[in-house]
């Protein structure tokens, strides 16, 4: 996983590949980091579908499950600084992605 800086000093999204058809997409905003979204995505019929989202879009560190393509209400994921929670979110999805994918498919 590598991060690249955009033209205005923003960190551009980066990908952690889990398999040919599964990835974690990480989008970070701000320096220092203020907002983030960590998404588990599966390739479905050639398109990337988010099936689990961890973010702080509404100040709290939340997790959203998906039913099909519909995002479900937020559940609390963690407490703490974004710099600490993002690695936790990536680790959680890396460790559990296969079970999450199976649950989403059923």
N, C-alpha and C. Protein backbone atom coordinates (compact mmCIF):
# COMPACT_ATOMS: atom_id res chain seq x y z
N UNK A 1 0.84 -1.17 0.00
CA UNK A 1 0.00 0.00 0.00
C UNK A 1 0.89 1.23 0.00
N UNK A 2 0.66 2.08 -0.94
CA UNK A 2 1.38 3.35 -0.96
C UNK A 2 0.39 4.48 -1.10
N UNK A 3 0.75 5.61 -0.54
CA UNK A 3 -0.08 6.79 -0.64
C UNK A 3 0.62 7.79 -1.53
N UNK A 4 -0.14 8.49 -2.35
CA UNK A 4 0.39 9.52 -3.21
C UNK A 4 -0.30 10.83 -2.89
N UNK A 5 0.43 11.90 -3.06
CA UNK A 5 -0.13 13.22 -2.82
C UNK A 5 -0.72 13.77 -4.11
N UNK A 6 -1.90 14.36 -4.01
CA UNK A 6 -2.52 15.02 -5.14
C UNK A 6 -1.94 16.41 -5.32
N UNK A 7 -2.45 17.12 -6.29
CA UNK A 7 -1.93 18.43 -6.64
C UNK A 7 -2.07 19.45 -5.51
N UNK A 8 -3.09 19.33 -4.69
CA UNK A 8 -3.32 20.31 -3.62
C UNK A 8 -2.93 19.76 -2.26
N UNK A 9 -2.04 18.78 -2.23
CA UNK A 9 -1.59 18.24 -0.95
C UNK A 9 -2.53 17.22 -0.34
N UNK A 10 -3.60 16.87 -1.05
CA UNK A 10 -4.53 15.87 -0.56
C UNK A 10 -3.95 14.47 -0.84
N UNK A 11 -4.19 13.55 0.07
CA UNK A 11 -3.78 12.18 -0.17
C UNK A 11 -4.82 11.55 -1.08
N UNK A 12 -4.38 10.98 -2.20
CA UNK A 12 -5.31 10.36 -3.13
C UNK A 12 -5.67 8.96 -2.62
N UNK A 13 -6.85 8.45 -2.99
CA UNK A 13 -7.25 7.13 -2.53
C UNK A 13 -6.21 6.07 -2.88
N UNK A 14 -6.10 5.06 -2.01
CA UNK A 14 -5.22 3.94 -2.33
C UNK A 14 -5.96 2.64 -2.11
N UNK A 15 -5.43 1.58 -2.70
CA UNK A 15 -6.09 0.28 -2.72
C UNK A 15 -5.19 -0.76 -2.08
N UNK A 16 -5.79 -1.61 -1.28
CA UNK A 16 -5.13 -2.81 -0.78
C UNK A 16 -5.88 -3.99 -1.40
N UNK A 17 -5.19 -4.73 -2.26
CA UNK A 17 -5.81 -5.86 -2.93
C UNK A 17 -5.88 -7.06 -1.99
N UNK A 18 -7.05 -7.70 -1.97
CA UNK A 18 -7.26 -8.90 -1.16
C UNK A 18 -7.29 -10.14 -2.06
N UNK A 19 -7.82 -9.97 -3.26
CA UNK A 19 -7.85 -11.01 -4.29
C UNK A 19 -8.13 -10.29 -5.61
N UNK A 20 -8.26 -11.05 -6.68
CA UNK A 20 -8.54 -10.43 -7.98
C UNK A 20 -9.90 -9.73 -7.98
N UNK A 21 -10.81 -10.17 -7.11
CA UNK A 21 -12.17 -9.64 -7.09
C UNK A 21 -12.56 -9.02 -5.75
N UNK A 22 -11.58 -8.70 -4.93
CA UNK A 22 -11.86 -8.07 -3.63
C UNK A 22 -10.74 -7.09 -3.31
N UNK A 23 -11.13 -5.93 -2.78
CA UNK A 23 -10.14 -4.91 -2.44
C UNK A 23 -10.65 -4.05 -1.30
N UNK A 24 -9.72 -3.36 -0.66
CA UNK A 24 -10.05 -2.32 0.30
C UNK A 24 -9.62 -1.00 -0.34
N UNK A 25 -10.57 -0.09 -0.47
CA UNK A 25 -10.31 1.24 -1.01
C UNK A 25 -10.29 2.21 0.16
N UNK A 26 -9.21 2.98 0.29
CA UNK A 26 -9.05 3.91 1.41
C UNK A 26 -8.97 5.33 0.85
N UNK A 27 -9.86 6.18 1.33
CA UNK A 27 -9.90 7.57 0.91
C UNK A 27 -9.70 8.44 2.15
N UNK A 28 -8.66 9.27 2.13
CA UNK A 28 -8.31 10.12 3.26
C UNK A 28 -8.41 11.58 2.85
N UNK A 29 -8.87 12.44 3.76
CA UNK A 29 -8.97 13.86 3.48
C UNK A 29 -8.29 14.66 4.58
N UNK A 30 -7.57 15.69 4.17
CA UNK A 30 -6.99 16.64 5.10
C UNK A 30 -5.58 16.30 5.52
N UNK A 31 -4.84 17.34 5.90
CA UNK A 31 -3.49 17.21 6.44
C UNK A 31 -3.41 18.16 7.61
N UNK A 32 -3.51 17.74 8.85
CA UNK A 32 -3.64 16.33 9.25
C UNK A 32 -5.01 15.76 8.86
N UNK A 33 -5.09 14.43 8.85
CA UNK A 33 -6.29 13.75 8.41
C UNK A 33 -7.50 14.18 9.24
N UNK A 34 -8.56 14.57 8.53
CA UNK A 34 -9.80 14.96 9.18
C UNK A 34 -10.93 13.98 8.88
N UNK A 35 -10.98 13.51 7.65
CA UNK A 35 -12.05 12.61 7.21
C UNK A 35 -11.43 11.40 6.53
N UNK A 36 -12.14 10.28 6.64
CA UNK A 36 -11.68 9.06 5.96
C UNK A 36 -12.88 8.19 5.61
N UNK A 37 -12.66 7.31 4.65
CA UNK A 37 -13.61 6.26 4.30
C UNK A 37 -12.77 5.04 3.91
N UNK A 38 -13.05 3.92 4.55
CA UNK A 38 -12.37 2.66 4.27
C UNK A 38 -13.45 1.70 3.80
N UNK A 39 -13.35 1.25 2.55
CA UNK A 39 -14.41 0.47 1.93
C UNK A 39 -13.94 -0.91 1.51
N UNK A 40 -14.69 -1.93 1.87
CA UNK A 40 -14.48 -3.27 1.34
C UNK A 40 -15.34 -3.37 0.10
N UNK A 41 -14.71 -3.68 -1.03
CA UNK A 41 -15.42 -3.75 -2.30
C UNK A 41 -15.19 -5.09 -2.97
N UNK A 42 -16.23 -5.59 -3.62
CA UNK A 42 -16.15 -6.80 -4.44
C UNK A 42 -16.43 -6.43 -5.88
N UNK A 43 -15.77 -7.13 -6.79
CA UNK A 43 -16.04 -6.94 -8.22
C UNK A 43 -17.23 -7.84 -8.56
N UNK A 44 -18.35 -7.21 -8.92
CA UNK A 44 -19.58 -7.92 -9.26
C UNK A 44 -19.92 -7.57 -10.71
N UNK A 45 -19.90 -8.59 -11.56
CA UNK A 45 -20.19 -8.40 -12.98
C UNK A 45 -19.37 -7.26 -13.58
N UNK A 46 -18.10 -7.19 -13.20
CA UNK A 46 -17.18 -6.20 -13.76
C UNK A 46 -17.17 -4.84 -13.09
N UNK A 47 -18.06 -4.61 -12.12
CA UNK A 47 -18.13 -3.32 -11.43
C UNK A 47 -17.80 -3.50 -9.95
N UNK A 48 -17.18 -2.48 -9.35
CA UNK A 48 -16.84 -2.54 -7.94
C UNK A 48 -18.04 -2.12 -7.10
N UNK A 49 -18.41 -2.98 -6.15
CA UNK A 49 -19.55 -2.77 -5.25
C UNK A 49 -19.04 -2.69 -3.82
N UNK A 50 -19.32 -1.59 -3.13
CA UNK A 50 -18.98 -1.48 -1.72
C UNK A 50 -19.94 -2.35 -0.92
N UNK A 51 -19.37 -3.21 -0.04
CA UNK A 51 -20.22 -4.07 0.78
C UNK A 51 -20.05 -3.78 2.28
N UNK A 52 -19.04 -3.00 2.65
CA UNK A 52 -18.85 -2.58 4.04
C UNK A 52 -18.09 -1.26 4.00
N UNK A 53 -18.52 -0.30 4.79
CA UNK A 53 -17.90 1.03 4.83
C UNK A 53 -17.62 1.40 6.27
N UNK A 54 -16.41 1.84 6.53
CA UNK A 54 -16.04 2.40 7.83
C UNK A 54 -15.60 3.83 7.57
N UNK A 55 -16.22 4.80 8.28
CA UNK A 55 -15.90 6.20 8.00
C UNK A 55 -16.18 7.08 9.21
N UNK A 56 -15.84 8.35 9.06
CA UNK A 56 -16.17 9.34 10.09
C UNK A 56 -16.87 10.54 9.45
N UNK A 57 -17.73 10.28 8.50
CA UNK A 57 -18.43 11.35 7.77
C UNK A 57 -19.29 12.20 8.68
N UNK A 58 -19.75 11.65 9.80
CA UNK A 58 -20.62 12.39 10.73
C UNK A 58 -19.95 12.53 12.09
N UNK A 59 -18.63 12.70 12.07
CA UNK A 59 -17.80 12.92 13.27
C UNK A 59 -17.45 11.64 14.02
N UNK A 60 -18.38 10.69 14.14
CA UNK A 60 -18.10 9.44 14.86
C UNK A 60 -17.44 8.44 13.91
N UNK A 61 -16.76 7.45 14.49
CA UNK A 61 -16.14 6.38 13.71
C UNK A 61 -17.18 5.28 13.56
N UNK A 62 -17.81 5.22 12.38
CA UNK A 62 -18.95 4.35 12.14
C UNK A 62 -18.65 3.24 11.15
N UNK A 63 -19.46 2.20 11.22
CA UNK A 63 -19.42 1.11 10.25
C UNK A 63 -20.81 1.01 9.63
N UNK A 64 -20.86 0.86 8.31
CA UNK A 64 -22.11 0.65 7.60
C UNK A 64 -22.05 -0.69 6.88
N UNK A 65 -23.02 -1.53 7.13
CA UNK A 65 -23.19 -2.75 6.36
C UNK A 65 -24.00 -2.40 5.13
N UNK A 66 -23.95 -3.26 4.14
CA UNK A 66 -24.75 -3.08 2.93
C UNK A 66 -25.64 -4.30 2.74
N UNK A 67 -26.88 -4.05 2.30
CA UNK A 67 -27.78 -5.10 1.84
C UNK A 67 -27.92 -4.85 0.35
N UNK A 68 -27.31 -5.72 -0.45
CA UNK A 68 -27.22 -5.42 -1.87
C UNK A 68 -26.40 -4.15 -2.03
N UNK A 69 -26.97 -3.16 -2.70
CA UNK A 69 -26.26 -1.88 -2.87
C UNK A 69 -26.76 -0.81 -1.90
N UNK A 70 -27.65 -1.19 -0.97
CA UNK A 70 -28.21 -0.23 -0.03
C UNK A 70 -27.40 -0.16 1.26
N UNK A 71 -26.93 1.05 1.57
CA UNK A 71 -26.17 1.28 2.80
C UNK A 71 -27.13 1.27 3.99
N UNK A 72 -26.77 0.54 5.02
CA UNK A 72 -27.58 0.42 6.22
C UNK A 72 -27.16 1.48 7.25
N UNK A 73 -27.99 1.70 8.27
CA UNK A 73 -27.66 2.71 9.29
C UNK A 73 -26.32 2.43 9.96
N UNK A 74 -25.72 3.48 10.45
CA UNK A 74 -24.40 3.41 11.07
C UNK A 74 -24.44 2.64 12.38
N UNK A 75 -23.35 1.90 12.64
CA UNK A 75 -23.08 1.27 13.92
C UNK A 75 -21.73 1.81 14.37
N UNK A 76 -21.56 2.05 15.65
CA UNK A 76 -20.28 2.56 16.15
C UNK A 76 -19.20 1.52 15.93
N UNK A 77 -18.07 1.93 15.35
CA UNK A 77 -16.95 1.03 15.11
C UNK A 77 -15.87 1.16 16.17
N UNK A 78 -15.50 2.41 16.50
CA UNK A 78 -14.37 2.61 17.40
C UNK A 78 -14.41 4.02 17.98
N UNK A 79 -13.50 4.26 18.90
CA UNK A 79 -13.30 5.59 19.49
C UNK A 79 -11.84 5.97 19.25
N UNK A 80 -11.54 7.26 19.30
CA UNK A 80 -10.16 7.70 19.22
C UNK A 80 -9.92 8.62 18.03
N UNK A 81 -8.66 8.90 17.80
CA UNK A 81 -8.24 9.78 16.70
C UNK A 81 -8.30 9.03 15.37
N UNK A 82 -8.63 9.77 14.32
CA UNK A 82 -8.71 9.16 12.99
C UNK A 82 -7.42 8.45 12.62
N UNK A 83 -6.26 9.03 12.98
CA UNK A 83 -4.97 8.39 12.67
C UNK A 83 -4.83 7.01 13.30
N UNK A 84 -5.51 6.78 14.42
CA UNK A 84 -5.48 5.48 15.07
C UNK A 84 -6.55 4.54 14.54
N UNK A 85 -7.71 5.09 14.18
CA UNK A 85 -8.84 4.27 13.77
C UNK A 85 -8.69 3.74 12.34
N UNK A 86 -8.11 4.51 11.44
CA UNK A 86 -7.96 4.05 10.06
C UNK A 86 -7.18 2.74 9.98
N UNK A 87 -6.01 2.62 10.62
CA UNK A 87 -5.32 1.32 10.58
C UNK A 87 -6.16 0.19 11.20
N UNK A 88 -6.94 0.49 12.24
CA UNK A 88 -7.83 -0.52 12.82
C UNK A 88 -8.87 -0.97 11.80
N UNK A 89 -9.43 -0.02 11.07
CA UNK A 89 -10.45 -0.32 10.07
C UNK A 89 -9.87 -1.19 8.95
N UNK A 90 -8.68 -0.84 8.48
CA UNK A 90 -8.03 -1.62 7.42
C UNK A 90 -7.75 -3.04 7.92
N UNK A 91 -7.24 -3.15 9.13
CA UNK A 91 -6.93 -4.46 9.72
C UNK A 91 -8.21 -5.31 9.88
N UNK A 92 -9.29 -4.67 10.37
CA UNK A 92 -10.57 -5.37 10.54
C UNK A 92 -11.05 -5.94 9.21
N UNK A 93 -11.05 -5.12 8.16
CA UNK A 93 -11.52 -5.60 6.86
C UNK A 93 -10.59 -6.65 6.27
N UNK A 94 -9.29 -6.48 6.45
CA UNK A 94 -8.32 -7.47 5.96
C UNK A 94 -8.53 -8.81 6.64
N UNK A 95 -8.75 -8.78 7.94
CA UNK A 95 -8.89 -10.02 8.72
C UNK A 95 -10.23 -10.72 8.50
N UNK A 96 -11.28 -9.97 8.16
CA UNK A 96 -12.63 -10.53 8.12
C UNK A 96 -13.32 -10.45 6.76
N UNK A 97 -12.60 -10.07 5.71
CA UNK A 97 -13.26 -9.78 4.45
C UNK A 97 -13.99 -10.98 3.88
N UNK A 98 -13.45 -12.18 4.02
CA UNK A 98 -14.11 -13.35 3.43
C UNK A 98 -15.45 -13.63 4.11
N UNK A 99 -15.50 -13.55 5.42
CA UNK A 99 -16.74 -13.76 6.15
C UNK A 99 -17.75 -12.64 5.83
N UNK A 100 -17.27 -11.42 5.74
CA UNK A 100 -18.15 -10.30 5.39
C UNK A 100 -18.73 -10.52 4.01
N UNK A 101 -17.89 -10.92 3.05
CA UNK A 101 -18.35 -11.16 1.68
C UNK A 101 -19.39 -12.27 1.64
N UNK A 102 -19.16 -13.36 2.36
CA UNK A 102 -20.12 -14.47 2.38
C UNK A 102 -21.44 -14.02 2.97
N UNK A 103 -21.40 -13.26 4.05
CA UNK A 103 -22.61 -12.76 4.68
C UNK A 103 -23.37 -11.83 3.73
N UNK A 104 -22.66 -10.98 3.02
CA UNK A 104 -23.29 -10.05 2.08
C UNK A 104 -23.96 -10.79 0.95
N UNK A 105 -23.32 -11.85 0.46
CA UNK A 105 -23.88 -12.62 -0.67
C UNK A 105 -25.15 -13.36 -0.29
N UNK A 106 -25.32 -13.70 0.99
CA UNK A 106 -26.48 -14.51 1.41
C UNK A 106 -27.63 -13.66 1.80
